[in-house]
Amino acid sequence: MSQSKLFDDLSLRVREMLAATPAKDVEKNLRTLLSGFFARLDLVSREEFDAQAKVLARTREKLTALEARVAEMEKQPGR
């Protein structure tokens, strides 16, 4: 879940909970508090995570191929 979607969902739930009360300041303060909390966390977006997972998969494939080449070279006579 993206950070902005999480904030939107949380904001909606807080608004629904506080709709019957005059506590709009509570919602504003809670949103500010949570925004600050999540900003301090070292979070990445799902898109960035997926992109890095693809890079890692390609790197693993290249490493496997290089390991196979080294193994073949070590089998050659005279080495």
PDB file of N, CA and C in Angstrom:
ATOM      1  N   MET A   1       0.864  -1.168   0.000  1.00  0.00           N
ATOM      2  CA  MET A   1       0.000   0.000   0.000  1.00  0.00           C
ATOM      3  C   MET A   1       0.905   1.224   0.000  1.00  0.00           C
ATOM      4  N   SER A   2       0.653   2.157  -0.882  1.00  0.00           N
ATOM      5  CA  SER A   2       1.491   3.340  -0.947  1.00  0.00           C
ATOM      6  C   SER A   2       1.250   4.219   0.271  1.00  0.00           C
ATOM      7  N   GLN A   3       2.238   5.046   0.562  1.00  0.00           N
ATOM      8  CA  GLN A   3       2.160   5.894   1.754  1.00  0.00           C
ATOM      9  C   GLN A   3       0.991   6.859   1.664  1.00  0.00           C
ATOM     10  N   SER A   4       0.771   7.468   0.486  1.00  0.00           N
ATOM     11  CA  SER A   4      -0.339   8.417   0.366  1.00  0.00           C
ATOM     12  C   SER A   4      -1.684   7.709   0.481  1.00  0.00           C
ATOM     13  N   LYS A   5      -1.790   6.482  -0.062  1.00  0.00           N
ATOM     14  CA  LYS A   5      -3.038   5.729   0.073  1.00  0.00           C
ATOM     15  C   LYS A   5      -3.278   5.370   1.524  1.00  0.00           C
ATOM     16  N   LEU A   6      -2.215   5.021   2.237  1.00  0.00           N
ATOM     17  CA  LEU A   6      -2.333   4.703   3.654  1.00  0.00           C
ATOM     18  C   LEU A   6      -2.820   5.921   4.431  1.00  0.00           C
ATOM     19  N   PHE A   7      -2.246   7.102   4.145  1.00  0.00           N
ATOM     20  CA  PHE A   7      -2.676   8.325   4.811  1.00  0.00           C
ATOM     21  C   PHE A   7      -4.133   8.637   4.480  1.00  0.00           C
ATOM     22  N   ASP A   8      -4.507   8.486   3.219  1.00  0.00           N
ATOM     23  CA  ASP A   8      -5.887   8.764   2.817  1.00  0.00           C
ATOM     24  C   ASP A   8      -6.864   7.840   3.528  1.00  0.00           C
ATOM     25  N   ASP A   9      -6.524   6.551   3.585  1.00  0.00           N
ATOM     26  CA  ASP A   9      -7.386   5.575   4.244  1.00  0.00           C
ATOM     27  C   ASP A   9      -7.494   5.882   5.735  1.00  0.00           C
ATOM     28  N   LEU A  10      -6.370   6.172   6.347  1.00  0.00           N
ATOM     29  CA  LEU A  10      -6.370   6.494   7.766  1.00  0.00           C
ATOM     30  C   LEU A  10      -7.145   7.779   8.035  1.00  0.00           C
ATOM     31  N   SER A  11      -6.966   8.760   7.176  1.00  0.00           N
ATOM     32  CA  SER A  11      -7.680  10.032   7.317  1.00  0.00           C
ATOM     33  C   SER A  11      -9.190   9.822   7.212  1.00  0.00           C
ATOM     34  N   LEU A  12      -9.602   9.016   6.245  1.00  0.00           N
ATOM     35  CA  LEU A  12     -11.026   8.728   6.077  1.00  0.00           C
ATOM     36  C   LEU A  12     -11.605   8.070   7.322  1.00  0.00           C
ATOM     37  N   ARG A  13     -10.882   7.118   7.867  1.00  0.00           N
ATOM     38  CA  ARG A  13     -11.366   6.424   9.066  1.00  0.00           C
ATOM     39  C   ARG A  13     -11.460   7.376  10.258  1.00  0.00           C
ATOM     40  N   VAL A  14     -10.477   8.238  10.393  1.00  0.00           N
ATOM     41  CA  VAL A  14     -10.503   9.202  11.497  1.00  0.00           C
ATOM     42  C   VAL A  14     -11.670  10.160  11.318  1.00  0.00           C
ATOM     43  N   ARG A  15     -11.874  10.640  10.078  1.00  0.00           N
ATOM     44  CA  ARG A  15     -13.009  11.550   9.818  1.00  0.00           C
ATOM     45  C   ARG A  15     -14.337  10.885  10.143  1.00  0.00           C
ATOM     46  N   GLU A  16     -14.494   9.635   9.744  1.00  0.00           N
ATOM     47  CA  GLU A  16     -15.734   8.922  10.041  1.00  0.00           C
ATOM     48  C   GLU A  16     -15.939   8.789  11.539  1.00  0.00           C
ATOM     49  N   MET A  17     -14.864   8.523  12.249  1.00  0.00           N
ATOM     50  CA  MET A  17     -14.946   8.332  13.684  1.00  0.00           C
ATOM     51  C   MET A  17     -15.284   9.652  14.400  1.00  0.00           C
ATOM     52  N   LEU A  18     -14.764  10.748  13.873  1.00  0.00           N
ATOM     53  CA  LEU A  18     -14.947  12.039  14.528  1.00  0.00           C
ATOM     54  C   LEU A  18     -16.084  12.860  13.934  1.00  0.00           C
ATOM     55  N   ALA A  19     -16.817  12.291  12.985  1.00  0.00           N
ATOM     56  CA  ALA A  19     -17.876  13.049  12.307  1.00  0.00           C
ATOM     57  C   ALA A  19     -18.951  13.540  13.277  1.00  0.00           C
ATOM     58  N   ALA A  20     -19.200  12.777  14.308  1.00  0.00           N
ATOM     59  CA  ALA A  20     -20.264  13.137  15.251  1.00  0.00           C
ATOM     60  C   ALA A  20     -19.771  14.074  16.350  1.00  0.00           C
ATOM     61  N   THR A  21     -18.491  14.424  16.319  1.00  0.00           N
ATOM     62  CA  THR A  21     -17.941  15.290  17.373  1.00  0.00           C
ATOM     63  C   THR A  21     -17.336  16.541  16.744  1.00  0.00           C
ATOM     64  N   PRO A  22     -17.194  17.595  17.509  1.00  0.00           N
ATOM     65  CA  PRO A  22     -16.569  18.812  16.995  1.00  0.00           C
ATOM     66  C   PRO A  22     -15.051  18.780  17.108  1.00  0.00           C
ATOM     67  N   ALA A  23     -14.463  17.623  17.006  1.00  0.00           N
ATOM     68  CA  ALA A  23     -13.034  17.457  17.243  1.00  0.00           C
ATOM     69  C   ALA A  23     -12.220  17.486  15.943  1.00  0.00           C
ATOM     70  N   LYS A  24     -12.464  18.466  15.101  1.00  0.00           N
ATOM     71  CA  LYS A  24     -11.706  18.569  13.844  1.00  0.00           C
ATOM     72  C   LYS A  24     -10.224  18.785  14.105  1.00  0.00           C
ATOM     73  N   ASP A  25      -9.904  19.484  15.197  1.00  0.00           N
ATOM     74  CA  ASP A  25      -8.502  19.703  15.532  1.00  0.00           C
ATOM     75  C   ASP A  25      -7.796  18.394  15.859  1.00  0.00           C
ATOM     76  N   VAL A  26      -8.523  17.467  16.439  1.00  0.00           N
ATOM     77  CA  VAL A  26      -7.938  16.168  16.757  1.00  0.00           C
ATOM     78  C   VAL A  26      -7.518  15.466  15.464  1.00  0.00           C
ATOM     79  N   GLU A  27      -8.383  15.506  14.471  1.00  0.00           N
ATOM     80  CA  GLU A  27      -8.063  14.885  13.178  1.00  0.00           C
ATOM     81  C   GLU A  27      -6.818  15.531  12.578  1.00  0.00           C
ATOM     82  N   LYS A  28      -6.782  16.848  12.577  1.00  0.00           N
ATOM     83  CA  LYS A  28      -5.644  17.571  11.995  1.00  0.00           C
ATOM     84  C   LYS A  28      -4.358  17.214  12.737  1.00  0.00           C
ATOM     85  N   ASN A  29      -4.413  17.222  14.051  1.00  0.00           N
ATOM     86  CA  ASN A  29      -3.230  16.914  14.854  1.00  0.00           C
ATOM     87  C   ASN A  29      -2.792  15.465  14.688  1.00  0.00           C
ATOM     88  N   LEU A  30      -3.753  14.561  14.616  1.00  0.00           N
ATOM     89  CA  LEU A  30      -3.431  13.150  14.430  1.00  0.00           C
ATOM     90  C   LEU A  30      -2.794  12.926  13.069  1.00  0.00           C
ATOM     91  N   ARG A  31      -3.344  13.561  12.053  1.00  0.00           N
ATOM     92  CA  ARG A  31      -2.774  13.420  10.700  1.00  0.00           C
ATOM     93  C   ARG A  31      -1.342  13.953  10.671  1.00  0.00           C
ATOM     94  N   THR A  32      -1.107  15.087  11.299  1.00  0.00           N
ATOM     95  CA  THR A  32       0.230  15.663  11.358  1.00  0.00           C
ATOM     96  C   THR A  32       1.182  14.744  12.114  1.00  0.00           C
ATOM     97  N   LEU A  33       0.719  14.217  13.227  1.00  0.00           N
ATOM     98  CA  LEU A  33       1.533  13.308  14.021  1.00  0.00           C
ATOM     99  C   LEU A  33       1.903  12.058  13.221  1.00  0.00           C
ATOM    100  N   LEU A  34       0.923  11.463  12.563  1.00  0.00           N
ATOM    101  CA  LEU A  34       1.181  10.250  11.779  1.00  0.00           C
ATOM    102  C   LEU A  34       2.071  10.537  10.578  1.00  0.00           C
ATOM    103  N   SER A  35       1.882  11.685   9.940  1.00  0.00           N
ATOM    104  CA  SER A  35       2.737  12.058   8.809  1.00  0.00           C
ATOM    105  C   SER A  35       4.187  12.159   9.256  1.00  0.00           C
ATOM    106  N   GLY A  36       4.400  12.775  10.399  1.00  0.00           N
ATOM    107  CA  GLY A  36       5.756  12.881  10.934  1.00  0.00           C
ATOM    108  C   GLY A  36       6.336  11.523  11.274  1.00  0.00           C
ATOM    109  N   PHE A  37       5.509  10.659  11.852  1.00  0.00           N
ATOM    110  CA  PHE A  37       5.965   9.314  12.203  1.00  0.00           C
ATOM    111  C   PHE A  37       6.385   8.534  10.963  1.00  0.00           C
ATOM    112  N   PHE A  38       5.537   8.535   9.939  1.00  0.00           N
ATOM    113  CA  PHE A  38       5.848   7.781   8.731  1.00  0.00           C
ATOM    114  C   PHE A  38       7.000   8.404   7.958  1.00  0.00           C
ATOM    115  N   ALA A  39       7.180   9.708   8.059  1.00  0.00           N
ATOM    116  CA  ALA A  39       8.292  10.364   7.371  1.00  0.00           C
ATOM    117  C   ALA A  39       9.626   9.916   7.958  1.00  0.00           C
ATOM    118  N   ARG A  40       9.646   9.616   9.252  1.00  0.00           N
ATOM    119  CA  ARG A  40      10.885   9.172   9.890  1.00  0.00           C
ATOM    120  C   ARG A  40      11.223   7.721   9.563  1.00  0.00           C
ATOM    121  N   LEU A  41      10.254   6.950   9.145  1.00  0.00           N
ATOM    122  CA  LEU A  41      10.512   5.563   8.759  1.00  0.00           C
ATOM    123  C   LEU A  41      11.185   5.541   7.398  1.00  0.00           C
ATOM    124  N   ASP A  42      12.001   4.551   7.183  1.00  0.00           N
ATOM    125  CA  ASP A  42      12.708   4.434   5.912  1.00  0.00           C
ATOM    126  C   ASP A  42      11.896   3.529   4.987  1.00  0.00           C
ATOM    127  N   LEU A  43      10.779   4.058   4.478  1.00  0.00           N
ATOM    128  CA  LEU A  43       9.864   3.279   3.639  1.00  0.00           C
ATOM    129  C   LEU A  43      10.119   3.559   2.158  1.00  0.00           C
ATOM    130  N   VAL A  44       9.829   2.576   1.334  1.00  0.00           N
ATOM    131  CA  VAL A  44       9.910   2.753  -0.113  1.00  0.00           C
ATOM    132  C   VAL A  44       8.545   2.437  -0.709  1.00  0.00           C
ATOM    133  N   SER A  45       8.317   2.978  -1.888  1.00  0.00           N
ATOM    134  CA  SER A  45       7.048   2.700  -2.559  1.00  0.00           C
ATOM    135  C   SER A  45       7.067   1.284  -3.119  1.00  0.00           C
ATOM    136  N   ARG A  46       5.901   0.774  -3.396  1.00  0.00           N
ATOM    137  CA  ARG A  46       5.796  -0.574  -3.966  1.00  0.00           C
ATOM    138  C   ARG A  46       6.474  -0.629  -5.330  1.00  0.00           C
ATOM    139  N   GLU A  47       6.329   0.445  -6.106  1.00  0.00           N
ATOM    140  CA  GLU A  47       6.929   0.502  -7.436  1.00  0.00           C
ATOM    141  C   GLU A  47       8.456   0.424  -7.332  1.00  0.00           C
ATOM    142  N   GLU A  48       9.026   1.164  -6.381  1.00  0.00           N
ATOM    143  CA  GLU A  48      10.478   1.141  -6.197  1.00  0.00           C
ATOM    144  C   GLU A  48      10.940  -0.240  -5.727  1.00  0.00           C
ATOM    145  N   PHE A  49      10.173  -0.849  -4.831  1.00  0.00           N
ATOM    146  CA  PHE A  49      10.508  -2.185  -4.352  1.00  0.00           C
ATOM    147  C   PHE A  49      10.498  -3.185  -5.501  1.00  0.00           C
ATOM    148  N   ASP A  50       9.448  -3.146  -6.335  1.00  0.00           N
ATOM    149  CA  ASP A  50       9.348  -4.069  -7.464  1.00  0.00           C
ATOM    150  C   ASP A  50      10.482  -3.857  -8.457  1.00  0.00           C
ATOM    151  N   ALA A  51      10.845  -2.599  -8.707  1.00  0.00           N
ATOM    152  CA  ALA A  51      11.945  -2.314  -9.626  1.00  0.00           C
ATOM    153  C   ALA A  51      13.251  -2.891  -9.086  1.00  0.00           C
ATOM    154  N   GLN A  52      13.506  -2.724  -7.795  1.00  0.00           N
ATOM    155  CA  GLN A  52      14.738  -3.251  -7.209  1.00  0.00           C
ATOM    156  C   GLN A  52      14.731  -4.779  -7.178  1.00  0.00           C
ATOM    157  N   ALA A  53      13.568  -5.375  -7.016  1.00  0.00           N
ATOM    158  CA  ALA A  53      13.467  -6.840  -7.048  1.00  0.00           C
ATOM    159  C   ALA A  53      13.840  -7.371  -8.431  1.00  0.00           C
ATOM    160  N   LYS A  54      13.430  -6.654  -9.485  1.00  0.00           N
ATOM    161  CA  LYS A  54      13.793  -7.058 -10.847  1.00  0.00           C
ATOM    162  C   LYS A  54      15.298  -6.923 -11.072  1.00  0.00           C
ATOM    163  N   VAL A  55      15.880  -5.837 -10.579  1.00  0.00           N
ATOM    164  CA  VAL A  55      17.327  -5.640 -10.707  1.00  0.00           C
ATOM    165  C   VAL A  55      18.063  -6.769  -9.992  1.00  0.00           C
ATOM    166  N   LEU A  56      17.612  -7.120  -8.801  1.00  0.00           N
ATOM    167  CA  LEU A  56      18.230  -8.196  -8.039  1.00  0.00           C
ATOM    168  C   LEU A  56      18.120  -9.531  -8.776  1.00  0.00           C
ATOM    169  N   ALA A  57      16.975  -9.804  -9.380  1.00  0.00           N
ATOM    170  CA  ALA A  57      16.786 -11.062 -10.125  1.00  0.00           C
ATOM    171  C   ALA A  57      17.747 -11.131 -11.310  1.00  0.00           C
ATOM    172  N   ARG A  58      17.882 -10.013 -12.047  1.00  0.00           N
ATOM    173  CA  ARG A  58      18.829  -9.998 -13.175  1.00  0.00           C
ATOM    174  C   ARG A  58      20.266 -10.188 -12.694  1.00  0.00           C
ATOM    175  N   THR A  59      20.598  -9.576 -11.574  1.00  0.00           N
ATOM    176  CA  THR A  59      21.944  -9.711 -11.025  1.00  0.00           C
ATOM    177  C   THR A  59      22.224 -11.148 -10.614  1.00  0.00           C
ATOM    178  N   ARG A  60      21.251 -11.798 -10.024  1.00  0.00           N
ATOM    179  CA  ARG A  60      21.417 -13.206  -9.645  1.00  0.00           C
ATOM    180  C   ARG A  60      21.618 -14.083 -10.869  1.00  0.00           C
ATOM    181  N   GLU A  61      20.875 -13.807 -11.949  1.00  0.00           N
ATOM    182  CA  GLU A  61      21.041 -14.576 -13.184  1.00  0.00           C
ATOM    183  C   GLU A  61      22.442 -14.406 -13.741  1.00  0.00           C
ATOM    184  N   LYS A  62      22.943 -13.180 -13.755  1.00  0.00           N
ATOM    185  CA  LYS A  62      24.299 -12.923 -14.255  1.00  0.00           C
ATOM    186  C   LYS A  62      25.344 -13.610 -13.382  1.00  0.00           C
ATOM    187  N   LEU A  63      25.147 -13.567 -12.070  1.00  0.00           N
ATOM    188  CA  LEU A  63      26.082 -14.221 -11.156  1.00  0.00           C
ATOM    189  C   LEU A  63      26.114 -15.724 -11.400  1.00  0.00           C
ATOM    190  N   THR A  64      24.959 -16.325 -11.582  1.00  0.00           N
ATOM    191  CA  THR A  64      24.890 -17.762 -11.846  1.00  0.00           C
ATOM    192  C   THR A  64      25.623 -18.103 -13.138  1.00  0.00           C
ATOM    193  N   ALA A  65      25.426 -17.284 -14.174  1.00  0.00           N
ATOM    194  CA  ALA A  65      26.103 -17.512 -15.446  1.00  0.00           C
ATOM    195  C   ALA A  65      27.618 -17.359 -15.292  1.00  0.00           C
ATOM    196  N   LEU A  66      28.054 -16.355 -14.559  1.00  0.00           N
ATOM    197  CA  LEU A  66      29.489 -16.155 -14.346  1.00  0.00           C
ATOM    198  C   LEU A  66      30.098 -17.291 -13.525  1.00  0.00           C
ATOM    199  N   GLU A  67      29.371 -17.777 -12.541  1.00  0.00           N
ATOM    200  CA  GLU A  67      29.866 -18.902 -11.750  1.00  0.00           C
ATOM    201  C   GLU A  67      30.032 -20.137 -12.627  1.00  0.00           C
ATOM    202  N   ALA A  68      29.101 -20.351 -13.547  1.00  0.00           N
ATOM    203  CA  ALA A  68      29.197 -21.489 -14.460  1.00  0.00           C
ATOM    204  C   ALA A  68      30.401 -21.330 -15.384  1.00  0.00           C
ATOM    205  N   ARG A  69      30.643 -20.122 -15.885  1.00  0.00           N
ATOM    206  CA  ARG A  69      31.812 -19.872 -16.743  1.00  0.00           C
ATOM    207  C   ARG A  69      33.108 -20.119 -15.996  1.00  0.00           C
ATOM    208  N   VAL A  70      33.193 -19.672 -14.759  1.00  0.00           N
ATOM    209  CA  VAL A  70      34.401 -19.879 -13.961  1.00  0.00           C
ATOM    210  C   VAL A  70      34.613 -21.371 -13.723  1.00  0.00           C
ATOM    211  N   ALA A  71      33.553 -22.094 -13.438  1.00  0.00           N
ATOM    212  CA  ALA A  71      33.667 -23.541 -13.213  1.00  0.00           C
ATOM    213  C   ALA A  71      34.173 -24.232 -14.471  1.00  0.00           C
ATOM    214  N   GLU A  72      33.695 -23.819 -15.644  1.00  0.00           N
ATOM    215  CA  GLU A  72      34.157 -24.406 -16.905  1.00  0.00           C
ATOM    216  C   GLU A  72      35.630 -24.076 -17.145  1.00  0.00           C
ATOM    217  N   MET A  73      36.011 -22.852 -16.864  1.00  0.00           N
ATOM    218  CA  MET A  73      37.406 -22.451 -17.063  1.00  0.00           C
ATOM    219  C   MET A  73      38.338 -23.211 -16.123  1.00  0.00           C
ATOM    220  N   GLU A  74      37.876 -23.482 -14.924  1.00  0.00           N
ATOM    221  CA  GLU A  74      38.709 -24.227 -13.960  1.00  0.00           C
ATOM    222  C   GLU A  74      38.876 -25.673 -14.380  1.00  0.00           C
ATOM    223  N   LYS A  75      37.947 -26.214 -15.156  1.00  0.00           N
ATOM    224  CA  LYS A  75      38.034 -27.600 -15.626  1.00  0.00           C
ATOM    225  C   LYS A  75      39.024 -27.747 -16.792  1.00  0.00           C
ATOM    226  N   GLN A  76      39.330 -26.661 -17.491  1.00  0.00           N
ATOM    227  CA  GLN A  76      40.220 -26.728 -18.645  1.00  0.00           C
ATOM    228  C   GLN A  76      41.632 -27.108 -18.191  1.00  0.00           C
ATOM    229  N   PRO A  77      42.287 -27.955 -18.998  1.00  0.00           N
ATOM    230  CA  PRO A  77      43.657 -28.368 -18.641  1.00  0.00           C
ATOM    231  C   PRO A  77      44.607 -27.167 -18.720  1.00  0.00           C
ATOM    232  N   GLY A  78      45.614 -27.225 -17.881  1.00  0.00           N
ATOM    233  CA  GLY A  78      46.621 -26.169 -17.879  1.00  0.00           C
ATOM    234  C   GLY A  78      46.261 -25.000 -16.990  1.00  0.00           C
ATOM    235  N   ARG A  79      45.229 -25.096 -16.254  1.00  0.00           N
ATOM    236  CA  ARG A  79      44.831 -23.994 -15.367  1.00  0.00           C
ATOM    237  C   ARG A  79      45.036 -24.401 -13.939  1.00  0.00           C
TER     238      ARG A  79
END
